[in-house]
Amino acid sequence: MSAVVEQVVQARLILSTHRSALLRVTLRYRAGDPLAVRMAFPAEYSLDGIDLPQPDPEIEWVFARQLLAAGLDLPAGPGDVHIRPALGGRTMVELRAPEGVALLQFDTPELRRFLWHSYLAVPEGQELQHLDPDRALAELLG
């Protein structure tokens, strides 16, 4: 199955207690990679992109669709991606890398809408039926 769900949302990058920046984030889900969701950010928000002569147009984080769903209701994420609900219909996403930590705030209804569309492409609990292990291994080994 080649279904792709893509949704552009606005996020607030928290810079300090009193400063933040708005940025567009592209959320992606591919039925061919049914366990994962992707968050793509403009390259100018990457510390890596500063030193590159021609940075990639996007920086992409990949993590479990189940993590995103769980984090909308309760704090979730034991690894580099942490997601938790916040007041006022917001969801906080914390991305941890050796270069630093990014804290982003999203409107929860936008994330729920994205998940709903992803569940239309591949229903929750049916991910393994859509998984192509040979293709996944080929992508992993690049």
C-alpha atoms as a PDB file:
ATOM      1  CA  MET A   1       0.000   0.000   0.000  1.00  0.00           C
ATOM      2  CA  SER A   2       1.376   3.417  -0.896  1.00  0.00           C
ATOM      3  CA  ALA A   3      -0.917   5.675   1.124  1.00  0.00           C
ATOM      4  CA  VAL A   4       0.778   8.783   2.455  1.00  0.00           C
ATOM      5  CA  VAL A   5      -0.730  11.169   4.981  1.00  0.00           C
ATOM      6  CA  GLU A   6       0.834  14.616   5.124  1.00  0.00           C
ATOM      7  CA  GLN A   7      -0.309  17.574   7.183  1.00  0.00           C
ATOM      8  CA  VAL A   8       1.382  20.928   7.714  1.00  0.00           C
ATOM      9  CA  VAL A   9       0.839  22.351  11.192  1.00  0.00           C
ATOM     10  CA  GLN A  10       2.109  25.329  13.073  1.00  0.00           C
ATOM     11  CA  ALA A  11       4.270  24.760  16.136  1.00  0.00           C
ATOM     12  CA  ARG A  12       5.784  27.074  18.671  1.00  0.00           C
ATOM     13  CA  LEU A  13       9.483  26.506  19.347  1.00  0.00           C
ATOM     14  CA  ILE A  14      10.062  27.457  22.971  1.00  0.00           C
ATOM     15  CA  LEU A  15      13.327  29.419  23.190  1.00  0.00           C
ATOM     16  CA  SER A  16      13.073  30.604  26.810  1.00  0.00           C
ATOM     17  CA  THR A  17      10.442  31.388  29.418  1.00  0.00           C
ATOM     18  CA  HIS A  18       9.446  34.547  27.544  1.00  0.00           C
ATOM     19  CA  ARG A  19      10.538  33.846  23.954  1.00  0.00           C
ATOM     20  CA  SER A  20       9.270  31.509  21.275  1.00  0.00           C
ATOM     21  CA  ALA A  21       9.228  31.257  17.502  1.00  0.00           C
ATOM     22  CA  LEU A  22       6.494  30.014  15.205  1.00  0.00           C
ATOM     23  CA  LEU A  23       7.462  27.463  12.603  1.00  0.00           C
ATOM     24  CA  ARG A  24       5.761  25.189  10.119  1.00  0.00           C
ATOM     25  CA  VAL A  25       6.127  21.495  10.765  1.00  0.00           C
ATOM     26  CA  THR A  26       5.173  18.828   8.261  1.00  0.00           C
ATOM     27  CA  LEU A  27       3.741  15.654   9.768  1.00  0.00           C
ATOM     28  CA  ARG A  28       3.991  12.556   7.570  1.00  0.00           C
ATOM     29  CA  TYR A  29       2.767   8.998   7.755  1.00  0.00           C
ATOM     30  CA  ARG A  30       3.445   6.326   5.136  1.00  0.00           C
ATOM     31  CA  ALA A  31       1.509   3.077   5.012  1.00  0.00           C
ATOM     32  CA  GLY A  32       4.720   1.442   3.776  1.00  0.00           C
ATOM     33  CA  ASP A  33       6.345   2.322   7.121  1.00  0.00           C
ATOM     34  CA  PRO A  34       3.266   1.727   9.297  1.00  0.00           C
ATOM     35  CA  LEU A  35       4.835   1.966  12.751  1.00  0.00           C
ATOM     36  CA  ALA A  36       6.427   5.398  12.303  1.00  0.00           C
ATOM     37  CA  VAL A  37       5.453   9.027  11.991  1.00  0.00           C
ATOM     38  CA  ARG A  38       7.738  11.758  10.760  1.00  0.00           C
ATOM     39  CA  MET A  39       8.075  15.391  11.825  1.00  0.00           C
ATOM     40  CA  ALA A  40       9.915  17.547   9.318  1.00  0.00           C
ATOM     41  CA  PHE A  41      11.288  20.969  10.273  1.00  0.00           C
ATOM     42  CA  PRO A  42      12.799  23.704   8.118  1.00  0.00           C
ATOM     43  CA  ALA A  43      16.594  23.283   7.977  1.00  0.00           C
ATOM     44  CA  GLU A  44      17.209  26.771   9.375  1.00  0.00           C
ATOM     45  CA  TYR A  45      16.052  25.494  12.779  1.00  0.00           C
ATOM     46  CA  SER A  46      18.806  22.876  12.877  1.00  0.00           C
ATOM     47  CA  LEU A  47      22.157  23.446  14.542  1.00  0.00           C
ATOM     48  CA  ASP A  48      23.658  21.070  11.964  1.00  0.00           C
ATOM     49  CA  GLY A  49      22.324  23.164   9.077  1.00  0.00           C
ATOM     50  CA  ILE A  50      24.308  26.232  10.146  1.00  0.00           C
ATOM     51  CA  ASP A  51      27.694  24.829   9.112  1.00  0.00           C
ATOM     52  CA  LEU A  52      26.608  23.042   5.946  1.00  0.00           C
ATOM     53  CA  PRO A  53      27.184  24.834   2.628  1.00  0.00           C
ATOM     54  CA  GLN A  54      23.846  23.589   1.249  1.00  0.00           C
ATOM     55  CA  PRO A  55      21.669  22.281   4.075  1.00  0.00           C
ATOM     56  CA  ASP A  56      18.902  19.813   3.419  1.00  0.00           C
ATOM     57  CA  PRO A  57      15.536  21.493   2.905  1.00  0.00           C
ATOM     58  CA  GLU A  58      14.197  19.706   5.989  1.00  0.00           C
ATOM     59  CA  ILE A  59      15.325  18.050   9.172  1.00  0.00           C
ATOM     60  CA  GLU A  60      13.222  14.969   9.879  1.00  0.00           C
ATOM     61  CA  TRP A  61      12.600  13.177  13.159  1.00  0.00           C
ATOM     62  CA  VAL A  62      11.097   9.680  12.980  1.00  0.00           C
ATOM     63  CA  PHE A  63       9.401   8.020  15.926  1.00  0.00           C
ATOM     64  CA  ALA A  64       6.594   5.598  16.762  1.00  0.00           C
ATOM     65  CA  ARG A  65       3.042   6.513  15.829  1.00  0.00           C
ATOM     66  CA  GLN A  66       1.993   4.870  19.096  1.00  0.00           C
ATOM     67  CA  LEU A  67       4.249   7.288  21.011  1.00  0.00           C
ATOM     68  CA  LEU A  68       2.491  10.278  19.462  1.00  0.00           C
ATOM     69  CA  ALA A  69      -0.929   8.826  20.260  1.00  0.00           C
ATOM     70  CA  ALA A  70       0.012   7.995  23.862  1.00  0.00           C
ATOM     71  CA  GLY A  71       1.606  11.393  24.484  1.00  0.00           C
ATOM     72  CA  LEU A  72      -1.595  13.246  23.684  1.00  0.00           C
ATOM     73  CA  ASP A  73      -3.176  11.926  26.890  1.00  0.00           C
ATOM     74  CA  LEU A  74      -0.278  11.068  29.226  1.00  0.00           C
ATOM     75  CA  PRO A  75       3.464  11.799  29.315  1.00  0.00           C
ATOM     76  CA  ALA A  76       5.222   9.310  27.027  1.00  0.00           C
ATOM     77  CA  GLY A  77       8.661   8.674  25.614  1.00  0.00           C
ATOM     78  CA  PRO A  78      11.613   7.048  27.340  1.00  0.00           C
ATOM     79  CA  GLY A  79      14.098   7.958  24.567  1.00  0.00           C
ATOM     80  CA  ASP A  80      15.023  11.005  22.487  1.00  0.00           C
ATOM     81  CA  VAL A  81      11.393  11.997  21.872  1.00  0.00           C
ATOM     82  CA  HIS A  82       9.131  12.928  24.788  1.00  0.00           C
ATOM     83  CA  ILE A  83       5.495  13.908  24.314  1.00  0.00           C
ATOM     84  CA  ARG A  84       3.100  15.160  26.963  1.00  0.00           C
ATOM     85  CA  PRO A  85      -0.239  16.951  27.206  1.00  0.00           C
ATOM     86  CA  ALA A  86      -0.236  20.579  28.349  1.00  0.00           C
ATOM     87  CA  LEU A  87      -2.884  23.047  29.452  1.00  0.00           C
ATOM     88  CA  GLY A  88      -5.193  24.732  26.992  1.00  0.00           C
ATOM     89  CA  GLY A  89      -5.481  21.948  24.411  1.00  0.00           C
ATOM     90  CA  ARG A  90      -1.769  21.878  23.707  1.00  0.00           C
ATOM     91  CA  THR A  91       0.785  19.087  23.398  1.00  0.00           C
ATOM     92  CA  MET A  92       4.484  19.479  24.157  1.00  0.00           C
ATOM     93  CA  VAL A  93       7.077  17.592  22.109  1.00  0.00           C
ATOM     94  CA  GLU A  94      10.634  17.479  23.378  1.00  0.00           C
ATOM     95  CA  LEU A  95      13.356  16.360  20.968  1.00  0.00           C
ATOM     96  CA  ARG A  96      16.741  15.456  22.461  1.00  0.00           C
ATOM     97  CA  ALA A  97      19.960  15.260  20.461  1.00  0.00           C
ATOM     98  CA  PRO A  98      23.660  15.517  21.351  1.00  0.00           C
ATOM     99  CA  GLU A  99      23.571  19.139  20.112  1.00  0.00           C
ATOM    100  CA  GLY A 100      20.777  20.113  22.488  1.00  0.00           C
ATOM    101  CA  VAL A 101      17.087  19.908  23.301  1.00  0.00           C
ATOM    102  CA  ALA A 102      14.184  21.433  21.371  1.00  0.00           C
ATOM    103  CA  LEU A 103      10.824  21.997  23.033  1.00  0.00           C
ATOM    104  CA  LEU A 104       7.838  22.458  20.733  1.00  0.00           C
ATOM    105  CA  GLN A 105       4.205  23.220  21.452  1.00  0.00           C
ATOM    106  CA  PHE A 106       1.445  21.976  19.154  1.00  0.00           C
ATOM    107  CA  ASP A 107      -2.326  22.348  19.155  1.00  0.00           C
ATOM    108  CA  THR A 108      -3.596  18.939  20.244  1.00  0.00           C
ATOM    109  CA  PRO A 109      -6.580  18.890  17.832  1.00  0.00           C
ATOM    110  CA  GLU A 110      -4.141  19.232  14.896  1.00  0.00           C
ATOM    111  CA  LEU A 111      -2.157  16.205  16.096  1.00  0.00           C
ATOM    112  CA  ARG A 112      -5.341  14.209  16.690  1.00  0.00           C
ATOM    113  CA  ARG A 113      -6.531  15.034  13.160  1.00  0.00           C
ATOM    114  CA  PHE A 114      -3.224  13.819  11.727  1.00  0.00           C
ATOM    115  CA  LEU A 115      -3.451  10.574  13.718  1.00  0.00           C
ATOM    116  CA  TRP A 116      -7.052  10.046  12.619  1.00  0.00           C
ATOM    117  CA  HIS A 117      -5.989  10.312   8.963  1.00  0.00           C
ATOM    118  CA  SER A 118      -3.093   7.923   9.604  1.00  0.00           C
ATOM    119  CA  TYR A 119      -5.543   5.420  11.119  1.00  0.00           C
ATOM    120  CA  LEU A 120      -7.630   5.657   7.945  1.00  0.00           C
ATOM    121  CA  ALA A 121      -4.530   4.665   5.956  1.00  0.00           C
ATOM    122  CA  VAL A 122      -3.540   1.864   8.363  1.00  0.00           C
ATOM    123  CA  PRO A 123      -5.898   1.087  11.253  1.00  0.00           C
ATOM    124  CA  GLU A 124      -4.391   0.902  14.716  1.00  0.00           C
ATOM    125  CA  GLY A 125      -3.410  -2.673  15.478  1.00  0.00           C
ATOM    126  CA  GLN A 126      -3.024  -3.627  11.796  1.00  0.00           C
ATOM    127  CA  GLU A 127       0.440  -2.111  11.296  1.00  0.00           C
ATOM    128  CA  LEU A 128       2.237  -5.445  11.044  1.00  0.00           C
ATOM    129  CA  GLN A 129      -0.004  -6.531   8.173  1.00  0.00           C
ATOM    130  CA  HIS A 130       1.339  -3.556   6.169  1.00  0.00           C
ATOM    131  CA  LEU A 131       4.978  -3.949   7.150  1.00  0.00           C
ATOM    132  CA  ASP A 132       7.391  -4.942   4.369  1.00  0.00           C
ATOM    133  CA  PRO A 133      10.488  -6.187   6.239  1.00  0.00           C
ATOM    134  CA  ASP A 134      12.683  -6.370   3.118  1.00  0.00           C
ATOM    135  CA  ARG A 135      11.915  -2.777   2.180  1.00  0.00           C
ATOM    136  CA  ALA A 136      12.374  -1.598   5.770  1.00  0.00           C
ATOM    137  CA  LEU A 137      15.789  -3.277   5.951  1.00  0.00           C
ATOM    138  CA  ALA A 138      16.821  -1.785   2.602  1.00  0.00           C
ATOM    139  CA  GLU A 139      15.840   1.716   3.797  1.00  0.00           C
ATOM    140  CA  LEU A 140      17.675   1.203   7.067  1.00  0.00           C
ATOM    141  CA  LEU A 141      20.876   0.119   5.329  1.00  0.00           C
ATOM    142  CA  GLY A 142      20.477   2.996   2.861  1.00  0.00           C
END
